[in-house]
Amino acid sequence: MKLFNKITIAVFIITIVFTAIQFPNLPSEVPSHYNFMGEADAWANKWFIFFIPLVGFGLWLLLGQVEKFPEFMNMPNGGGPLNDAQLQNSIGLMYMIRNEVLLFMSLLTLKEVFISIGYPINLGVWEFVIFVVMMTVTIVWYLVKNNKLKTT
């Protein structure tokens, strides 16, 4: 298992354990949605606190399966088949995206737990901006790399 996978899984496990430990301290309702400024505008039962990390872990597992079949990824190559270097690049892209998504969802869960127990962490619009920039940089990096690996 690669290092980033190990770090991601460790953060995920820490998130789940911390959430489980704090669960009795959570109010009966926790934030379930935030507006663009990062303010809670909808509430759900406290069990909802486990929804985001479970979705994140499900996506991590699903993208792990996609990572195993890079030939099915739609990478630009001028209509031809991908060469071995491009296939490895596609695997690297999926590897990064799956770990970034789970890390981000774990951090969102930790933020929700802290907010629910009275320690407000509010990045507002920056939370969304950070995620979009992170994903965009990753995708552009791998697309540029893929373009350099094209066969003529």
N, C-alpha and C. Protein backbone atom coordinates (compact mmCIF):
# COMPACT_ATOMS: atom_id res chain seq x y z
N MET A 1 0.86 -1.18 0.00
CA MET A 1 0.00 0.00 0.00
C MET A 1 0.90 1.24 0.00
N LYS A 2 0.58 2.17 -0.85
CA LYS A 2 1.39 3.37 -0.97
C LYS A 2 1.22 4.26 0.26
N LEU A 3 2.18 5.14 0.45
CA LEU A 3 2.21 6.00 1.63
C LEU A 3 0.97 6.88 1.75
N PHE A 4 0.54 7.49 0.65
CA PHE A 4 -0.63 8.38 0.71
C PHE A 4 -1.88 7.59 1.12
N ASN A 5 -2.01 6.35 0.64
CA ASN A 5 -3.13 5.50 1.07
C ASN A 5 -3.08 5.27 2.58
N LYS A 6 -1.88 4.98 3.10
CA LYS A 6 -1.73 4.73 4.53
C LYS A 6 -2.10 5.97 5.35
N ILE A 7 -1.63 7.12 4.90
CA ILE A 7 -1.95 8.37 5.61
C ILE A 7 -3.44 8.63 5.56
N THR A 8 -4.04 8.46 4.40
CA THR A 8 -5.48 8.70 4.23
C THR A 8 -6.29 7.78 5.12
N ILE A 9 -5.97 6.50 5.13
CA ILE A 9 -6.70 5.54 5.96
C ILE A 9 -6.49 5.85 7.44
N ALA A 10 -5.28 6.24 7.81
CA ALA A 10 -5.02 6.60 9.22
C ALA A 10 -5.87 7.80 9.63
N VAL A 11 -5.94 8.82 8.79
CA VAL A 11 -6.77 10.00 9.09
C VAL A 11 -8.23 9.60 9.17
N PHE A 12 -8.67 8.73 8.27
CA PHE A 12 -10.06 8.27 8.27
C PHE A 12 -10.38 7.52 9.57
N ILE A 13 -9.50 6.61 9.97
CA ILE A 13 -9.72 5.84 11.20
C ILE A 13 -9.73 6.76 12.41
N ILE A 14 -8.79 7.70 12.46
CA ILE A 14 -8.76 8.67 13.56
C ILE A 14 -10.07 9.46 13.59
N THR A 15 -10.55 9.84 12.43
CA THR A 15 -11.82 10.58 12.35
C THR A 15 -12.97 9.77 12.90
N ILE A 16 -13.08 8.52 12.49
CA ILE A 16 -14.17 7.66 12.96
C ILE A 16 -14.06 7.42 14.46
N VAL A 17 -12.85 7.14 14.95
CA VAL A 17 -12.67 6.90 16.39
C VAL A 17 -12.99 8.16 17.18
N PHE A 18 -12.48 9.30 16.75
CA PHE A 18 -12.75 10.56 17.44
C PHE A 18 -14.25 10.87 17.44
N THR A 19 -14.90 10.65 16.30
CA THR A 19 -16.34 10.89 16.19
C THR A 19 -17.10 9.96 17.13
N ALA A 20 -16.70 8.69 17.18
CA ALA A 20 -17.37 7.73 18.07
C ALA A 20 -17.18 8.11 19.54
N ILE A 21 -15.97 8.57 19.88
CA ILE A 21 -15.71 8.98 21.26
C ILE A 21 -16.55 10.21 21.62
N GLN A 22 -16.68 11.14 20.71
CA GLN A 22 -17.43 12.38 20.96
C GLN A 22 -18.94 12.22 20.79
N PHE A 23 -19.35 11.09 20.23
CA PHE A 23 -20.77 10.90 19.93
C PHE A 23 -21.69 11.16 21.12
N PRO A 24 -21.39 10.68 22.33
CA PRO A 24 -22.28 10.96 23.46
C PRO A 24 -22.35 12.45 23.81
N ASN A 25 -21.33 13.21 23.46
CA ASN A 25 -21.31 14.65 23.75
C ASN A 25 -22.02 15.50 22.71
N LEU A 26 -22.39 14.88 21.59
CA LEU A 26 -23.04 15.63 20.52
C LEU A 26 -24.47 15.97 20.91
N PRO A 27 -24.96 17.12 20.44
CA PRO A 27 -26.38 17.43 20.67
C PRO A 27 -27.25 16.47 19.86
N SER A 28 -28.54 16.46 20.13
CA SER A 28 -29.44 15.53 19.43
C SER A 28 -29.52 15.84 17.94
N GLU A 29 -29.24 17.07 17.55
CA GLU A 29 -29.22 17.44 16.13
C GLU A 29 -27.87 18.08 15.80
N VAL A 30 -27.34 17.72 14.64
CA VAL A 30 -26.07 18.26 14.17
C VAL A 30 -26.29 18.92 12.82
N PRO A 31 -25.41 19.83 12.43
CA PRO A 31 -25.55 20.47 11.12
C PRO A 31 -25.48 19.42 10.00
N SER A 32 -26.38 19.55 9.04
CA SER A 32 -26.37 18.63 7.91
C SER A 32 -26.14 19.36 6.59
N HIS A 33 -26.19 20.68 6.63
CA HIS A 33 -25.95 21.46 5.42
C HIS A 33 -25.47 22.84 5.82
N TYR A 34 -24.60 23.40 5.01
CA TYR A 34 -24.07 24.72 5.25
C TYR A 34 -24.31 25.59 4.03
N ASN A 35 -24.55 26.87 4.26
CA ASN A 35 -24.69 27.78 3.12
C ASN A 35 -23.31 28.11 2.58
N PHE A 36 -23.26 28.97 1.58
CA PHE A 36 -22.01 29.29 0.90
C PHE A 36 -21.01 29.96 1.83
N MET A 37 -21.48 30.59 2.87
CA MET A 37 -20.60 31.26 3.81
C MET A 37 -20.15 30.34 4.95
N GLY A 38 -20.59 29.09 4.93
CA GLY A 38 -20.16 28.13 5.94
C GLY A 38 -21.02 28.11 7.19
N GLU A 39 -22.18 28.74 7.14
CA GLU A 39 -23.10 28.76 8.28
C GLU A 39 -24.09 27.61 8.15
N ALA A 40 -24.33 26.89 9.25
CA ALA A 40 -25.29 25.78 9.23
C ALA A 40 -26.68 26.31 8.92
N ASP A 41 -27.35 25.71 7.95
CA ASP A 41 -28.71 26.13 7.62
C ASP A 41 -29.69 24.95 7.56
N ALA A 42 -29.23 23.77 7.94
CA ALA A 42 -30.12 22.60 8.05
C ALA A 42 -29.52 21.68 9.12
N TRP A 43 -30.40 20.93 9.76
CA TRP A 43 -29.99 20.09 10.88
C TRP A 43 -30.55 18.68 10.70
N ALA A 44 -29.85 17.70 11.27
CA ALA A 44 -30.30 16.31 11.19
C ALA A 44 -29.99 15.61 12.51
N ASN A 45 -30.53 14.41 12.67
CA ASN A 45 -30.25 13.57 13.84
C ASN A 45 -28.74 13.40 13.98
N LYS A 46 -28.26 13.24 15.20
CA LYS A 46 -26.81 13.18 15.41
C LYS A 46 -26.14 12.00 14.73
N TRP A 47 -26.89 10.97 14.37
CA TRP A 47 -26.31 9.85 13.63
C TRP A 47 -25.83 10.28 12.25
N PHE A 48 -26.35 11.40 11.78
CA PHE A 48 -25.95 11.92 10.47
C PHE A 48 -24.45 12.24 10.43
N ILE A 49 -23.85 12.42 11.58
CA ILE A 49 -22.43 12.76 11.65
C ILE A 49 -21.57 11.68 10.98
N PHE A 50 -22.09 10.45 10.88
CA PHE A 50 -21.34 9.36 10.24
C PHE A 50 -21.60 9.27 8.74
N PHE A 51 -22.54 10.06 8.23
CA PHE A 51 -22.91 9.97 6.82
C PHE A 51 -21.76 10.39 5.90
N ILE A 52 -21.16 11.54 6.16
CA ILE A 52 -20.10 12.05 5.28
C ILE A 52 -18.90 11.11 5.23
N PRO A 53 -18.39 10.62 6.37
CA PRO A 53 -17.24 9.71 6.25
C PRO A 53 -17.60 8.38 5.58
N LEU A 54 -18.82 7.91 5.75
CA LEU A 54 -19.22 6.67 5.07
C LEU A 54 -19.32 6.87 3.56
N VAL A 55 -19.86 8.00 3.14
CA VAL A 55 -19.90 8.31 1.71
C VAL A 55 -18.47 8.44 1.18
N GLY A 56 -17.63 9.13 1.94
CA GLY A 56 -16.23 9.27 1.52
C GLY A 56 -15.53 7.93 1.39
N PHE A 57 -15.76 7.04 2.35
CA PHE A 57 -15.14 5.72 2.28
C PHE A 57 -15.70 4.91 1.12
N GLY A 58 -17.00 5.02 0.87
CA GLY A 58 -17.60 4.34 -0.28
C GLY A 58 -17.00 4.83 -1.59
N LEU A 59 -16.82 6.14 -1.71
CA LEU A 59 -16.18 6.69 -2.91
C LEU A 59 -14.73 6.22 -3.02
N TRP A 60 -14.04 6.16 -1.88
CA TRP A 60 -12.65 5.71 -1.88
C TRP A 60 -12.57 4.27 -2.39
N LEU A 61 -13.49 3.41 -1.94
CA LEU A 61 -13.51 2.02 -2.42
C LEU A 61 -13.86 1.95 -3.90
N LEU A 62 -14.87 2.71 -4.32
CA LEU A 62 -15.29 2.72 -5.73
C LEU A 62 -14.17 3.21 -6.64
N LEU A 63 -13.54 4.32 -6.27
CA LEU A 63 -12.45 4.84 -7.09
C LEU A 63 -11.24 3.92 -7.07
N GLY A 64 -11.08 3.14 -6.02
CA GLY A 64 -10.03 2.13 -5.98
C GLY A 64 -10.25 1.06 -7.03
N GLN A 65 -11.51 0.72 -7.27
CA GLN A 65 -11.83 -0.25 -8.32
C GLN A 65 -11.59 0.35 -9.70
N VAL A 66 -11.95 1.62 -9.87
CA VAL A 66 -11.70 2.30 -11.15
C VAL A 66 -10.20 2.35 -11.42
N GLU A 67 -9.44 2.58 -10.37
CA GLU A 67 -7.97 2.65 -10.48
C GLU A 67 -7.39 1.35 -11.04
N LYS A 68 -8.05 0.23 -10.81
CA LYS A 68 -7.56 -1.07 -11.28
C LYS A 68 -7.78 -1.29 -12.78
N PHE A 69 -8.64 -0.45 -13.39
CA PHE A 69 -8.94 -0.60 -14.81
C PHE A 69 -8.73 0.73 -15.54
N PRO A 70 -7.48 1.18 -15.65
CA PRO A 70 -7.20 2.49 -16.23
C PRO A 70 -7.59 2.59 -17.70
N GLU A 71 -7.69 1.46 -18.38
CA GLU A 71 -8.05 1.50 -19.80
C GLU A 71 -9.47 2.02 -20.02
N PHE A 72 -10.28 2.03 -18.96
CA PHE A 72 -11.65 2.53 -19.08
C PHE A 72 -11.78 4.01 -18.72
N MET A 73 -10.68 4.61 -18.27
CA MET A 73 -10.72 6.03 -17.96
C MET A 73 -10.65 6.82 -19.25
N ASN A 74 -11.39 7.87 -19.32
CA ASN A 74 -11.46 8.68 -20.53
C ASN A 74 -10.38 9.76 -20.47
N MET A 75 -9.17 9.39 -20.88
CA MET A 75 -8.05 10.33 -20.89
C MET A 75 -7.81 10.78 -22.33
N PRO A 76 -7.55 12.06 -22.54
CA PRO A 76 -7.32 12.55 -23.90
C PRO A 76 -6.04 11.99 -24.50
N ASN A 77 -6.15 11.49 -25.72
CA ASN A 77 -4.98 10.95 -26.41
C ASN A 77 -5.14 11.06 -27.92
N GLY A 78 -5.93 11.96 -28.38
CA GLY A 78 -6.09 12.13 -29.83
C GLY A 78 -6.78 10.97 -30.51
N GLY A 79 -7.57 10.20 -29.78
CA GLY A 79 -8.34 9.12 -30.38
C GLY A 79 -7.67 7.76 -30.36
N GLY A 80 -6.38 7.71 -30.08
CA GLY A 80 -5.68 6.43 -30.06
C GLY A 80 -5.70 5.80 -28.68
N PRO A 81 -5.24 4.55 -28.61
CA PRO A 81 -5.17 3.89 -27.29
C PRO A 81 -4.06 4.52 -26.44
N LEU A 82 -4.21 4.41 -25.14
CA LEU A 82 -3.20 4.93 -24.23
C LEU A 82 -1.99 4.00 -24.19
N ASN A 83 -0.80 4.57 -24.14
CA ASN A 83 0.40 3.74 -23.99
C ASN A 83 0.57 3.39 -22.51
N ASP A 84 1.55 2.55 -22.20
CA ASP A 84 1.75 2.09 -20.82
C ASP A 84 2.01 3.24 -19.85
N ALA A 85 2.79 4.21 -20.28
CA ALA A 85 3.09 5.36 -19.41
C ALA A 85 1.82 6.16 -19.12
N GLN A 86 0.96 6.30 -20.13
CA GLN A 86 -0.30 7.02 -19.93
C GLN A 86 -1.24 6.23 -19.02
N LEU A 87 -1.25 4.91 -19.15
CA LEU A 87 -2.06 4.09 -18.25
C LEU A 87 -1.60 4.26 -16.81
N GLN A 88 -0.29 4.26 -16.59
CA GLN A 88 0.24 4.46 -15.23
C GLN A 88 -0.09 5.86 -14.73
N ASN A 89 -0.08 6.84 -15.62
CA ASN A 89 -0.46 8.20 -15.25
C ASN A 89 -1.93 8.26 -14.85
N SER A 90 -2.78 7.54 -15.57
CA SER A 90 -4.21 7.48 -15.23
C SER A 90 -4.43 6.85 -13.86
N ILE A 91 -3.66 5.81 -13.57
CA ILE A 91 -3.74 5.17 -12.25
C ILE A 91 -3.32 6.16 -11.17
N GLY A 92 -2.26 6.92 -11.44
CA GLY A 92 -1.80 7.92 -10.49
C GLY A 92 -2.84 9.00 -10.24
N LEU A 93 -3.52 9.43 -11.29
CA LEU A 93 -4.58 10.43 -11.14
C LEU A 93 -5.70 9.91 -10.25
N MET A 94 -6.16 8.71 -10.52
CA MET A 94 -7.25 8.15 -9.73
C MET A 94 -6.82 7.92 -8.28
N TYR A 95 -5.58 7.51 -8.10
CA TYR A 95 -5.01 7.31 -6.76
C TYR A 95 -5.05 8.62 -5.96
N MET A 96 -4.63 9.69 -6.59
CA MET A 96 -4.62 10.99 -5.91
C MET A 96 -6.04 11.47 -5.61
N ILE A 97 -6.93 11.38 -6.59
CA ILE A 97 -8.30 11.86 -6.40
C ILE A 97 -9.00 11.08 -5.29
N ARG A 98 -8.86 9.77 -5.29
CA ARG A 98 -9.57 8.98 -4.27
C ARG A 98 -9.09 9.32 -2.87
N ASN A 99 -7.80 9.54 -2.71
CA ASN A 99 -7.27 9.87 -1.39
C ASN A 99 -7.61 11.30 -0.99
N GLU A 100 -7.56 12.22 -1.94
CA GLU A 100 -7.92 13.61 -1.64
C GLU A 100 -9.38 13.71 -1.21
N VAL A 101 -10.25 12.98 -1.88
CA VAL A 101 -11.68 13.01 -1.54
C VAL A 101 -11.91 12.47 -0.13
N LEU A 102 -11.32 11.33 0.21
CA LEU A 102 -11.52 10.76 1.54
C LEU A 102 -10.90 11.66 2.63
N LEU A 103 -9.73 12.23 2.36
CA LEU A 103 -9.14 13.15 3.33
C LEU A 103 -10.04 14.37 3.55
N PHE A 104 -10.54 14.92 2.46
CA PHE A 104 -11.41 16.09 2.58
C PHE A 104 -12.68 15.76 3.35
N MET A 105 -13.29 14.62 3.06
CA MET A 105 -14.51 14.23 3.77
C MET A 105 -14.23 13.92 5.23
N SER A 106 -13.06 13.37 5.53
CA SER A 106 -12.69 13.14 6.93
C SER A 106 -12.54 14.47 7.66
N LEU A 107 -11.90 15.43 7.01
CA LEU A 107 -11.73 16.74 7.63
C LEU A 107 -13.06 17.45 7.81
N LEU A 108 -13.97 17.29 6.85
CA LEU A 108 -15.32 17.87 7.01
C LEU A 108 -16.02 17.26 8.22
N THR A 109 -15.85 15.96 8.41
CA THR A 109 -16.48 15.30 9.55
C THR A 109 -15.90 15.82 10.86
N LEU A 110 -14.58 15.95 10.93
CA LEU A 110 -13.95 16.49 12.13
C LEU A 110 -14.46 17.90 12.41
N LYS A 111 -14.59 18.69 11.36
CA LYS A 111 -15.12 20.05 11.52
C LYS A 111 -16.53 20.02 12.09
N GLU A 112 -17.37 19.13 11.58
CA GLU A 112 -18.75 19.03 12.07
C GLU A 112 -18.79 18.60 13.53
N VAL A 113 -17.92 17.68 13.92
CA VAL A 113 -17.87 17.25 15.32
C VAL A 113 -17.48 18.43 16.20
N PHE A 114 -16.43 19.15 15.81
CA PHE A 114 -16.00 20.30 16.60
C PHE A 114 -17.08 21.36 16.70
N ILE A 115 -17.75 21.64 15.60
CA ILE A 115 -18.84 22.62 15.62
C ILE A 115 -19.95 22.14 16.56
N SER A 116 -20.28 20.87 16.49
CA SER A 116 -21.38 20.31 17.29
C SER A 116 -21.09 20.31 18.79
N ILE A 117 -19.81 20.20 19.15
CA ILE A 117 -19.49 20.20 20.59
C ILE A 117 -19.09 21.59 21.08
N GLY A 118 -19.26 22.60 20.22
CA GLY A 118 -19.07 23.98 20.66
C GLY A 118 -17.76 24.65 20.32
N TYR A 119 -16.99 24.09 19.43
CA TYR A 119 -15.75 24.71 18.99
C TYR A 119 -15.88 25.07 17.51
N PRO A 120 -16.45 26.24 17.23
CA PRO A 120 -16.73 26.59 15.84
C PRO A 120 -15.47 26.77 14.99
N ILE A 121 -15.45 26.07 13.90
CA ILE A 121 -14.40 26.21 12.89
C ILE A 121 -15.13 26.61 11.62
N ASN A 122 -14.93 27.82 11.19
CA ASN A 122 -15.69 28.31 10.04
C ASN A 122 -14.74 28.90 9.02
N LEU A 123 -14.49 28.14 7.97
CA LEU A 123 -13.70 28.66 6.87
C LEU A 123 -14.57 29.34 5.83
N GLY A 124 -15.89 29.19 5.98
CA GLY A 124 -16.82 29.82 5.05
C GLY A 124 -16.59 29.35 3.63
N VAL A 125 -16.56 30.30 2.72
CA VAL A 125 -16.41 30.00 1.31
C VAL A 125 -15.05 29.36 1.01
N TRP A 126 -14.06 29.59 1.86
CA TRP A 126 -12.71 29.08 1.61
C TRP A 126 -12.65 27.55 1.65
N GLU A 127 -13.51 26.94 2.40
CA GLU A 127 -13.56 25.47 2.45
C GLU A 127 -13.82 24.91 1.05
N PHE A 128 -14.82 25.47 0.38
CA PHE A 128 -15.17 25.06 -0.98
C PHE A 128 -14.05 25.41 -1.95
N VAL A 129 -13.50 26.60 -1.81
CA VAL A 129 -12.43 27.05 -2.70
C VAL A 129 -11.21 26.14 -2.58
N ILE A 130 -10.83 25.81 -1.37
CA ILE A 130 -9.67 24.93 -1.15
C ILE A 130 -9.89 23.58 -1.82
N PHE A 131 -11.09 23.01 -1.67
CA PHE A 131 -11.37 21.71 -2.28
C PHE A 131 -11.32 21.80 -3.81
N VAL A 132 -11.96 22.81 -4.38
CA VAL A 132 -11.98 22.95 -5.84
C VAL A 132 -10.58 23.18 -6.39
N VAL A 133 -9.80 24.04 -5.73
CA VAL A 133 -8.43 24.30 -6.19
C VAL A 133 -7.60 23.03 -6.09
N MET A 134 -7.72 22.30 -4.98
CA MET A 134 -6.96 21.06 -4.79
C MET A 134 -7.28 20.06 -5.91
N MET A 135 -8.56 19.86 -6.19
CA MET A 135 -8.93 18.90 -7.23
C MET A 135 -8.52 19.39 -8.62
N THR A 136 -8.67 20.68 -8.87
CA THR A 136 -8.30 21.24 -10.18
C THR A 136 -6.81 21.11 -10.42
N VAL A 137 -6.01 21.45 -9.43
CA VAL A 137 -4.55 21.33 -9.58
C VAL A 137 -4.15 19.88 -9.85
N THR A 138 -4.74 18.96 -9.12
CA THR A 138 -4.43 17.54 -9.33
C THR A 138 -4.79 17.10 -10.74
N ILE A 139 -5.99 17.42 -11.18
CA ILE A 139 -6.43 16.98 -12.51
C ILE A 139 -5.59 17.63 -13.60
N VAL A 140 -5.35 18.94 -13.51
CA VAL A 140 -4.55 19.63 -14.53
C VAL A 140 -3.13 19.07 -14.56
N TRP A 141 -2.55 18.82 -13.38
CA TRP A 141 -1.20 18.26 -13.30
C TRP A 141 -1.12 16.94 -14.08
N TYR A 142 -2.07 16.06 -13.85
CA TYR A 142 -2.05 14.75 -14.52
C TYR A 142 -2.41 14.85 -15.99
N LEU A 143 -3.26 15.78 -16.38
CA LEU A 143 -3.59 15.95 -17.80
C LEU A 143 -2.38 16.50 -18.56
N VAL A 144 -1.66 17.45 -17.97
CA VAL A 144 -0.44 17.97 -18.61
C VAL A 144 0.59 16.85 -18.74
N LYS A 145 0.74 16.09 -17.67
CA LYS A 145 1.67 14.95 -17.69
C LYS A 145 1.26 13.94 -18.77
N ASN A 146 -0.06 13.68 -18.87
CA ASN A 146 -0.56 12.75 -19.87
C ASN A 146 -0.25 13.25 -21.28
N ASN A 147 -0.39 14.55 -21.49
CA ASN A 147 -0.13 15.13 -22.80
C ASN A 147 1.33 14.96 -23.19
N LYS A 148 2.24 15.06 -22.22
CA LYS A 148 3.68 14.88 -22.48
C LYS A 148 4.00 13.42 -22.79
N LEU A 149 3.16 12.51 -22.33
CA LEU A 149 3.41 11.08 -22.53
C LEU A 149 2.79 10.54 -23.81
N LYS A 150 2.10 11.41 -24.56
CA LYS A 150 1.43 10.97 -25.79
C LYS A 150 2.43 10.38 -26.77
N THR A 151 1.96 9.39 -27.50
CA THR A 151 2.76 8.85 -28.60
C THR A 151 2.35 9.60 -29.86
N THR A 152 3.24 9.69 -30.79
CA THR A 152 2.93 10.42 -32.03
C THR A 152 2.48 9.48 -33.11
